[in-house]
Amino acid sequence: MDLYDTARVRQPRDGIEYRLATVTDITYSTPHTTHIRHLRLRFPTGEERTYTPAKIAECTSTDDHAALVAAFTNTCRALRDACRIAHDYDERINTDILGLLMAIYGTVATYLGVTLDPAHLDPPADTEQVTP
């Protein structure tokens, strides 16, 4: 990791640590080694904190984009499965779930530039078969 790289805290403890931070200082074990003892991160709020290398992971906006697409795709899968169940359970819930799906679809297309294709979502989760 180098100065001005971006990183995330592996196990955030508070809201600030969930943000993408910039490496502002690196402390090495000895002057002539590449072994890093501490990294200082600056968060978008301006706050700076120091971490050991094991506590952070290098992360770019491309990594964040991929993580967001994966999270929204998984969300759509879960909502799609819920919609199929809700269709028989209560039409109002089904309608609300469809609204959520459309909102997510629009958000992903508008802000991430990705079109989620329902045909490419994996098959619905196995559900327990009910026998009459």
N, C-alpha and C. Protein backbone atom coordinates (compact mmCIF):
# COMPACT_ATOMS: atom_id res chain seq x y z
N MET A 1 0.85 -1.16 0.00
CA MET A 1 0.00 0.00 0.00
C MET A 1 0.91 1.24 0.00
N ASP A 2 0.48 2.25 -0.73
CA ASP A 2 1.26 3.47 -0.86
C ASP A 2 0.48 4.68 -0.35
N LEU A 3 1.19 5.79 -0.19
CA LEU A 3 0.53 7.03 0.18
C LEU A 3 -0.53 7.38 -0.86
N TYR A 4 -1.63 7.89 -0.39
CA TYR A 4 -2.76 8.35 -1.20
C TYR A 4 -3.56 7.23 -1.86
N ASP A 5 -3.23 5.97 -1.54
CA ASP A 5 -4.12 4.87 -1.94
C ASP A 5 -5.39 4.98 -1.11
N THR A 6 -6.44 4.35 -1.56
CA THR A 6 -7.69 4.33 -0.80
C THR A 6 -7.86 2.97 -0.13
N ALA A 7 -8.51 2.99 1.03
CA ALA A 7 -8.65 1.76 1.81
C ALA A 7 -9.92 1.81 2.64
N ARG A 8 -10.31 0.64 3.11
CA ARG A 8 -11.45 0.51 4.02
C ARG A 8 -11.00 -0.27 5.25
N VAL A 9 -11.63 0.04 6.36
CA VAL A 9 -11.39 -0.70 7.60
C VAL A 9 -12.09 -2.04 7.46
N ARG A 10 -11.38 -3.12 7.77
CA ARG A 10 -11.95 -4.47 7.60
C ARG A 10 -13.16 -4.72 8.50
N GLN A 11 -13.08 -4.33 9.75
CA GLN A 11 -14.20 -4.54 10.68
C GLN A 11 -14.54 -3.20 11.34
N PRO A 12 -15.34 -2.40 10.65
CA PRO A 12 -15.68 -1.06 11.16
C PRO A 12 -16.39 -1.12 12.51
N ARG A 13 -16.03 -0.18 13.37
CA ARG A 13 -16.63 -0.10 14.71
C ARG A 13 -17.64 1.03 14.81
N ASP A 14 -17.57 1.99 13.90
CA ASP A 14 -18.52 3.11 13.93
C ASP A 14 -18.76 3.60 12.51
N GLY A 15 -19.67 4.54 12.37
CA GLY A 15 -20.08 5.02 11.05
C GLY A 15 -18.95 5.58 10.21
N ILE A 16 -18.00 6.25 10.82
CA ILE A 16 -16.88 6.84 10.08
C ILE A 16 -16.05 5.75 9.42
N GLU A 17 -15.82 4.66 10.11
CA GLU A 17 -14.96 3.59 9.60
C GLU A 17 -15.57 2.83 8.43
N TYR A 18 -16.84 3.04 8.14
CA TYR A 18 -17.46 2.42 6.97
C TYR A 18 -17.11 3.18 5.69
N ARG A 19 -16.57 4.37 5.82
CA ARG A 19 -16.29 5.23 4.67
C ARG A 19 -14.96 4.86 4.01
N LEU A 20 -14.85 5.20 2.73
CA LEU A 20 -13.61 5.00 1.99
C LEU A 20 -12.62 6.06 2.45
N ALA A 21 -11.43 5.63 2.86
CA ALA A 21 -10.42 6.54 3.41
C ALA A 21 -9.19 6.59 2.51
N THR A 22 -8.38 7.60 2.73
CA THR A 22 -7.13 7.79 1.98
C THR A 22 -5.95 7.61 2.92
N VAL A 23 -4.93 6.88 2.47
CA VAL A 23 -3.71 6.69 3.26
C VAL A 23 -2.92 8.00 3.24
N THR A 24 -2.70 8.58 4.43
CA THR A 24 -1.98 9.86 4.49
C THR A 24 -0.60 9.74 5.10
N ASP A 25 -0.31 8.61 5.77
CA ASP A 25 1.01 8.42 6.37
C ASP A 25 1.26 6.94 6.57
N ILE A 26 2.51 6.55 6.39
CA ILE A 26 2.92 5.16 6.59
C ILE A 26 4.10 5.15 7.54
N THR A 27 4.01 4.32 8.59
CA THR A 27 5.11 4.15 9.54
C THR A 27 5.68 2.75 9.34
N TYR A 28 6.96 2.70 9.01
CA TYR A 28 7.63 1.41 8.78
C TYR A 28 8.27 0.93 10.08
N SER A 29 8.51 -0.39 10.18
CA SER A 29 9.10 -0.98 11.38
C SER A 29 10.50 -0.42 11.64
N THR A 30 11.29 -0.34 10.60
CA THR A 30 12.62 0.26 10.68
C THR A 30 12.82 1.12 9.44
N PRO A 31 13.77 2.03 9.46
CA PRO A 31 13.94 2.94 8.33
C PRO A 31 14.23 2.26 6.99
N HIS A 32 14.85 1.09 7.00
CA HIS A 32 15.26 0.47 5.73
C HIS A 32 14.51 -0.83 5.46
N THR A 33 13.22 -0.84 5.74
CA THR A 33 12.41 -2.03 5.51
C THR A 33 11.12 -1.64 4.81
N THR A 34 10.46 -2.62 4.25
CA THR A 34 9.16 -2.38 3.62
C THR A 34 8.03 -2.85 4.53
N HIS A 35 8.38 -3.40 5.70
CA HIS A 35 7.36 -3.88 6.64
C HIS A 35 6.67 -2.68 7.29
N ILE A 36 5.36 -2.58 7.08
CA ILE A 36 4.58 -1.46 7.59
C ILE A 36 4.10 -1.77 9.00
N ARG A 37 4.32 -0.83 9.90
CA ARG A 37 3.85 -0.97 11.27
C ARG A 37 2.45 -0.35 11.42
N HIS A 38 2.28 0.87 10.89
CA HIS A 38 1.00 1.58 11.01
C HIS A 38 0.71 2.37 9.75
N LEU A 39 -0.57 2.54 9.47
CA LEU A 39 -1.02 3.41 8.38
C LEU A 39 -1.99 4.43 8.96
N ARG A 40 -1.86 5.64 8.53
CA ARG A 40 -2.78 6.70 8.97
C ARG A 40 -3.76 6.94 7.84
N LEU A 41 -5.05 6.88 8.16
CA LEU A 41 -6.11 7.07 7.17
C LEU A 41 -6.86 8.36 7.44
N ARG A 42 -7.21 9.07 6.37
CA ARG A 42 -8.08 10.24 6.48
C ARG A 42 -9.41 9.87 5.84
N PHE A 43 -10.48 10.06 6.62
CA PHE A 43 -11.82 9.77 6.16
C PHE A 43 -12.44 11.01 5.53
N PRO A 44 -13.50 10.86 4.75
CA PRO A 44 -14.13 12.02 4.09
C PRO A 44 -14.57 13.13 5.06
N THR A 45 -14.76 12.78 6.32
CA THR A 45 -15.15 13.78 7.32
C THR A 45 -13.98 14.65 7.74
N GLY A 46 -12.76 14.26 7.32
CA GLY A 46 -11.55 14.98 7.72
C GLY A 46 -10.87 14.33 8.92
N GLU A 47 -11.56 13.44 9.59
CA GLU A 47 -10.98 12.75 10.74
C GLU A 47 -9.89 11.79 10.28
N GLU A 48 -8.81 11.70 11.06
CA GLU A 48 -7.72 10.77 10.76
C GLU A 48 -7.57 9.77 11.90
N ARG A 49 -7.28 8.53 11.52
CA ARG A 49 -7.07 7.47 12.50
C ARG A 49 -5.93 6.58 12.02
N THR A 50 -5.27 5.93 12.99
CA THR A 50 -4.14 5.06 12.69
C THR A 50 -4.53 3.60 12.90
N TYR A 51 -4.07 2.74 11.96
CA TYR A 51 -4.41 1.31 12.00
C TYR A 51 -3.17 0.48 11.65
N THR A 52 -3.19 -0.76 12.08
CA THR A 52 -2.17 -1.71 11.63
C THR A 52 -2.61 -2.21 10.25
N PRO A 53 -1.69 -2.70 9.45
CA PRO A 53 -2.06 -3.17 8.10
C PRO A 53 -3.12 -4.26 8.10
N ALA A 54 -3.13 -5.10 9.12
CA ALA A 54 -4.11 -6.19 9.17
C ALA A 54 -5.54 -5.68 9.35
N LYS A 55 -5.70 -4.46 9.85
CA LYS A 55 -7.03 -3.91 10.13
C LYS A 55 -7.67 -3.22 8.93
N ILE A 56 -6.90 -3.02 7.86
CA ILE A 56 -7.47 -2.34 6.69
C ILE A 56 -7.23 -3.15 5.41
N ALA A 57 -8.00 -2.82 4.40
CA ALA A 57 -7.87 -3.47 3.09
C ALA A 57 -7.84 -2.39 2.02
N GLU A 58 -6.93 -2.54 1.08
CA GLU A 58 -6.89 -1.60 -0.03
C GLU A 58 -8.20 -1.72 -0.81
N CYS A 59 -8.75 -0.61 -1.18
CA CYS A 59 -10.05 -0.60 -1.84
C CYS A 59 -10.14 0.61 -2.75
N THR A 60 -10.62 0.40 -3.96
CA THR A 60 -10.78 1.50 -4.91
C THR A 60 -12.26 1.73 -5.17
N SER A 61 -12.56 2.79 -5.87
CA SER A 61 -13.97 3.03 -6.21
C SER A 61 -14.48 1.95 -7.15
N THR A 62 -13.60 1.34 -7.94
CA THR A 62 -14.00 0.21 -8.79
C THR A 62 -14.42 -0.98 -7.94
N ASP A 63 -13.67 -1.22 -6.85
CA ASP A 63 -14.05 -2.29 -5.92
C ASP A 63 -15.41 -2.01 -5.30
N ASP A 64 -15.61 -0.74 -4.92
CA ASP A 64 -16.90 -0.35 -4.33
C ASP A 64 -18.03 -0.53 -5.33
N HIS A 65 -17.79 -0.17 -6.58
CA HIS A 65 -18.81 -0.32 -7.63
C HIS A 65 -19.22 -1.78 -7.74
N ALA A 66 -18.22 -2.66 -7.82
CA ALA A 66 -18.50 -4.10 -7.93
C ALA A 66 -19.25 -4.61 -6.71
N ALA A 67 -18.88 -4.15 -5.52
CA ALA A 67 -19.55 -4.59 -4.30
C ALA A 67 -21.01 -4.10 -4.28
N LEU A 68 -21.24 -2.88 -4.74
CA LEU A 68 -22.60 -2.36 -4.79
C LEU A 68 -23.46 -3.14 -5.78
N VAL A 69 -22.92 -3.43 -6.95
CA VAL A 69 -23.67 -4.20 -7.95
C VAL A 69 -24.01 -5.58 -7.39
N ALA A 70 -23.05 -6.22 -6.74
CA ALA A 70 -23.30 -7.54 -6.16
C ALA A 70 -24.37 -7.47 -5.06
N ALA A 71 -24.29 -6.45 -4.22
CA ALA A 71 -25.27 -6.31 -3.13
C ALA A 71 -26.67 -6.05 -3.69
N PHE A 72 -26.78 -5.17 -4.68
CA PHE A 72 -28.09 -4.89 -5.26
C PHE A 72 -28.63 -6.10 -6.02
N THR A 73 -27.75 -6.86 -6.67
CA THR A 73 -28.19 -8.07 -7.36
C THR A 73 -28.75 -9.08 -6.37
N ASN A 74 -28.04 -9.27 -5.25
CA ASN A 74 -28.54 -10.19 -4.22
C ASN A 74 -29.86 -9.70 -3.63
N THR A 75 -29.98 -8.40 -3.47
CA THR A 75 -31.23 -7.83 -2.96
C THR A 75 -32.37 -8.11 -3.93
N CYS A 76 -32.11 -7.94 -5.21
CA CYS A 76 -33.15 -8.20 -6.21
C CYS A 76 -33.55 -9.66 -6.22
N ARG A 77 -32.59 -10.56 -6.05
CA ARG A 77 -32.92 -11.98 -5.97
C ARG A 77 -33.85 -12.26 -4.81
N ALA A 78 -33.51 -11.71 -3.64
CA ALA A 78 -34.33 -11.94 -2.45
C ALA A 78 -35.73 -11.34 -2.62
N LEU A 79 -35.80 -10.13 -3.18
CA LEU A 79 -37.10 -9.50 -3.38
C LEU A 79 -37.91 -10.24 -4.44
N ARG A 80 -37.24 -10.74 -5.46
CA ARG A 80 -37.96 -11.51 -6.48
C ARG A 80 -38.60 -12.75 -5.86
N ASP A 81 -37.84 -13.44 -5.00
CA ASP A 81 -38.37 -14.63 -4.34
C ASP A 81 -39.53 -14.26 -3.40
N ALA A 82 -39.37 -13.15 -2.68
CA ALA A 82 -40.43 -12.69 -1.79
C ALA A 82 -41.68 -12.31 -2.59
N CYS A 83 -41.49 -11.71 -3.75
CA CYS A 83 -42.60 -11.30 -4.60
C CYS A 83 -43.40 -12.52 -5.06
N ARG A 84 -42.70 -13.58 -5.39
CA ARG A 84 -43.39 -14.79 -5.83
C ARG A 84 -44.22 -15.40 -4.72
N ILE A 85 -43.71 -15.33 -3.50
CA ILE A 85 -44.46 -15.85 -2.36
C ILE A 85 -45.62 -14.91 -2.03
N ALA A 86 -45.34 -13.62 -2.03
CA ALA A 86 -46.36 -12.63 -1.67
C ALA A 86 -47.51 -12.60 -2.66
N HIS A 87 -47.26 -12.98 -3.89
CA HIS A 87 -48.30 -12.98 -4.92
C HIS A 87 -49.51 -13.80 -4.46
N ASP A 88 -49.26 -14.93 -3.84
CA ASP A 88 -50.34 -15.78 -3.34
C ASP A 88 -50.78 -15.40 -1.93
N TYR A 89 -49.93 -14.71 -1.21
CA TYR A 89 -50.23 -14.38 0.19
C TYR A 89 -51.08 -13.12 0.32
N ASP A 90 -50.66 -12.03 -0.30
CA ASP A 90 -51.36 -10.77 -0.16
C ASP A 90 -50.95 -9.85 -1.31
N GLU A 91 -51.92 -9.48 -2.13
CA GLU A 91 -51.64 -8.68 -3.32
C GLU A 91 -51.01 -7.33 -2.98
N ARG A 92 -51.38 -6.74 -1.83
CA ARG A 92 -50.82 -5.43 -1.45
C ARG A 92 -49.33 -5.53 -1.16
N ILE A 93 -48.93 -6.60 -0.47
CA ILE A 93 -47.51 -6.80 -0.20
C ILE A 93 -46.77 -7.01 -1.51
N ASN A 94 -47.36 -7.80 -2.38
CA ASN A 94 -46.76 -8.07 -3.69
C ASN A 94 -46.53 -6.75 -4.44
N THR A 95 -47.52 -5.87 -4.42
CA THR A 95 -47.40 -4.58 -5.12
C THR A 95 -46.28 -3.73 -4.51
N ASP A 96 -46.18 -3.71 -3.19
CA ASP A 96 -45.12 -2.95 -2.53
C ASP A 96 -43.74 -3.51 -2.87
N ILE A 97 -43.62 -4.82 -2.91
CA ILE A 97 -42.34 -5.45 -3.26
C ILE A 97 -41.96 -5.09 -4.69
N LEU A 98 -42.93 -5.12 -5.60
CA LEU A 98 -42.65 -4.71 -6.98
C LEU A 98 -42.14 -3.28 -7.03
N GLY A 99 -42.71 -2.41 -6.20
CA GLY A 99 -42.25 -1.02 -6.13
C GLY A 99 -40.81 -0.93 -5.67
N LEU A 100 -40.46 -1.75 -4.67
CA LEU A 100 -39.07 -1.79 -4.20
C LEU A 100 -38.12 -2.25 -5.31
N LEU A 101 -38.53 -3.30 -6.01
CA LEU A 101 -37.70 -3.81 -7.11
C LEU A 101 -37.49 -2.75 -8.18
N MET A 102 -38.53 -2.04 -8.53
CA MET A 102 -38.41 -1.00 -9.56
C MET A 102 -37.52 0.15 -9.08
N ALA A 103 -37.63 0.50 -7.81
CA ALA A 103 -36.78 1.56 -7.25
C ALA A 103 -35.31 1.16 -7.29
N ILE A 104 -35.02 -0.09 -6.93
CA ILE A 104 -33.64 -0.58 -6.96
C ILE A 104 -33.14 -0.62 -8.39
N TYR A 105 -33.95 -1.12 -9.28
CA TYR A 105 -33.58 -1.18 -10.70
C TYR A 105 -33.21 0.21 -11.21
N GLY A 106 -34.04 1.20 -10.90
CA GLY A 106 -33.77 2.57 -11.34
C GLY A 106 -32.52 3.15 -10.72
N THR A 107 -32.31 2.89 -9.43
CA THR A 107 -31.13 3.39 -8.74
C THR A 107 -29.86 2.82 -9.33
N VAL A 108 -29.84 1.52 -9.55
CA VAL A 108 -28.65 0.86 -10.11
C VAL A 108 -28.37 1.37 -11.52
N ALA A 109 -29.41 1.52 -12.31
CA ALA A 109 -29.22 2.01 -13.69
C ALA A 109 -28.74 3.46 -13.69
N THR A 110 -29.33 4.30 -12.85
CA THR A 110 -29.00 5.72 -12.83
C THR A 110 -27.64 6.01 -12.24
N TYR A 111 -27.34 5.43 -11.08
CA TYR A 111 -26.13 5.80 -10.37
C TYR A 111 -24.94 4.88 -10.59
N LEU A 112 -25.19 3.65 -11.01
CA LEU A 112 -24.09 2.71 -11.23
C LEU A 112 -23.89 2.39 -12.71
N GLY A 113 -24.82 2.80 -13.55
CA GLY A 113 -24.69 2.55 -14.98
C GLY A 113 -24.82 1.10 -15.36
N VAL A 114 -25.56 0.33 -14.58
CA VAL A 114 -25.72 -1.11 -14.81
C VAL A 114 -27.20 -1.42 -14.96
N THR A 115 -27.53 -2.22 -15.95
CA THR A 115 -28.91 -2.69 -16.12
C THR A 115 -28.99 -4.10 -15.56
N LEU A 116 -29.75 -4.25 -14.49
CA LEU A 116 -29.94 -5.57 -13.91
C LEU A 116 -30.98 -6.30 -14.75
N ASP A 117 -30.59 -7.42 -15.29
CA ASP A 117 -31.48 -8.20 -16.14
C ASP A 117 -32.08 -9.34 -15.33
N PRO A 118 -33.38 -9.31 -15.08
CA PRO A 118 -34.01 -10.37 -14.29
C PRO A 118 -33.75 -11.76 -14.85
N ALA A 119 -33.56 -11.85 -16.15
CA ALA A 119 -33.32 -13.16 -16.76
C ALA A 119 -31.98 -13.76 -16.32
N HIS A 120 -31.05 -12.89 -15.87
CA HIS A 120 -29.74 -13.38 -15.46
C HIS A 120 -29.62 -13.64 -13.96
N LEU A 121 -30.69 -13.40 -13.23
CA LEU A 121 -30.67 -13.74 -11.81
C LEU A 121 -30.76 -15.26 -11.71
N ASP A 122 -30.05 -15.81 -10.75
CA ASP A 122 -30.07 -17.27 -10.63
C ASP A 122 -31.46 -17.74 -10.22
N PRO A 123 -31.72 -19.03 -10.30
CA PRO A 123 -33.04 -19.55 -10.00
C PRO A 123 -33.48 -19.16 -8.58
N PRO A 124 -34.79 -19.13 -8.34
CA PRO A 124 -35.26 -18.75 -7.01
C PRO A 124 -34.73 -19.71 -5.94
N ALA A 125 -34.61 -19.19 -4.75
CA ALA A 125 -34.15 -20.01 -3.63
C ALA A 125 -35.10 -21.16 -3.41
N ASP A 126 -34.55 -22.28 -2.98
CA ASP A 126 -35.40 -23.42 -2.68
C ASP A 126 -36.34 -23.06 -1.55
N THR A 127 -37.58 -23.33 -1.75
CA THR A 127 -38.56 -23.10 -0.69
C THR A 127 -39.18 -24.43 -0.33
N GLU A 128 -39.60 -24.54 0.90
CA GLU A 128 -40.19 -25.78 1.36
C GLU A 128 -41.49 -26.03 0.61
N GLN A 129 -41.65 -27.19 0.07
CA GLN A 129 -42.87 -27.54 -0.65
C GLN A 129 -43.98 -27.83 0.33
N VAL A 130 -45.11 -27.23 0.11
CA VAL A 130 -46.26 -27.46 0.99
C VAL A 130 -47.16 -28.50 0.33
N THR A 131 -47.48 -29.53 1.06
CA THR A 131 -48.37 -30.55 0.51
C THR A 131 -49.73 -30.42 1.17
N PRO A 132 -50.79 -30.49 0.37
CA PRO A 132 -52.15 -30.35 0.93
C PRO A 132 -52.55 -31.53 1.78
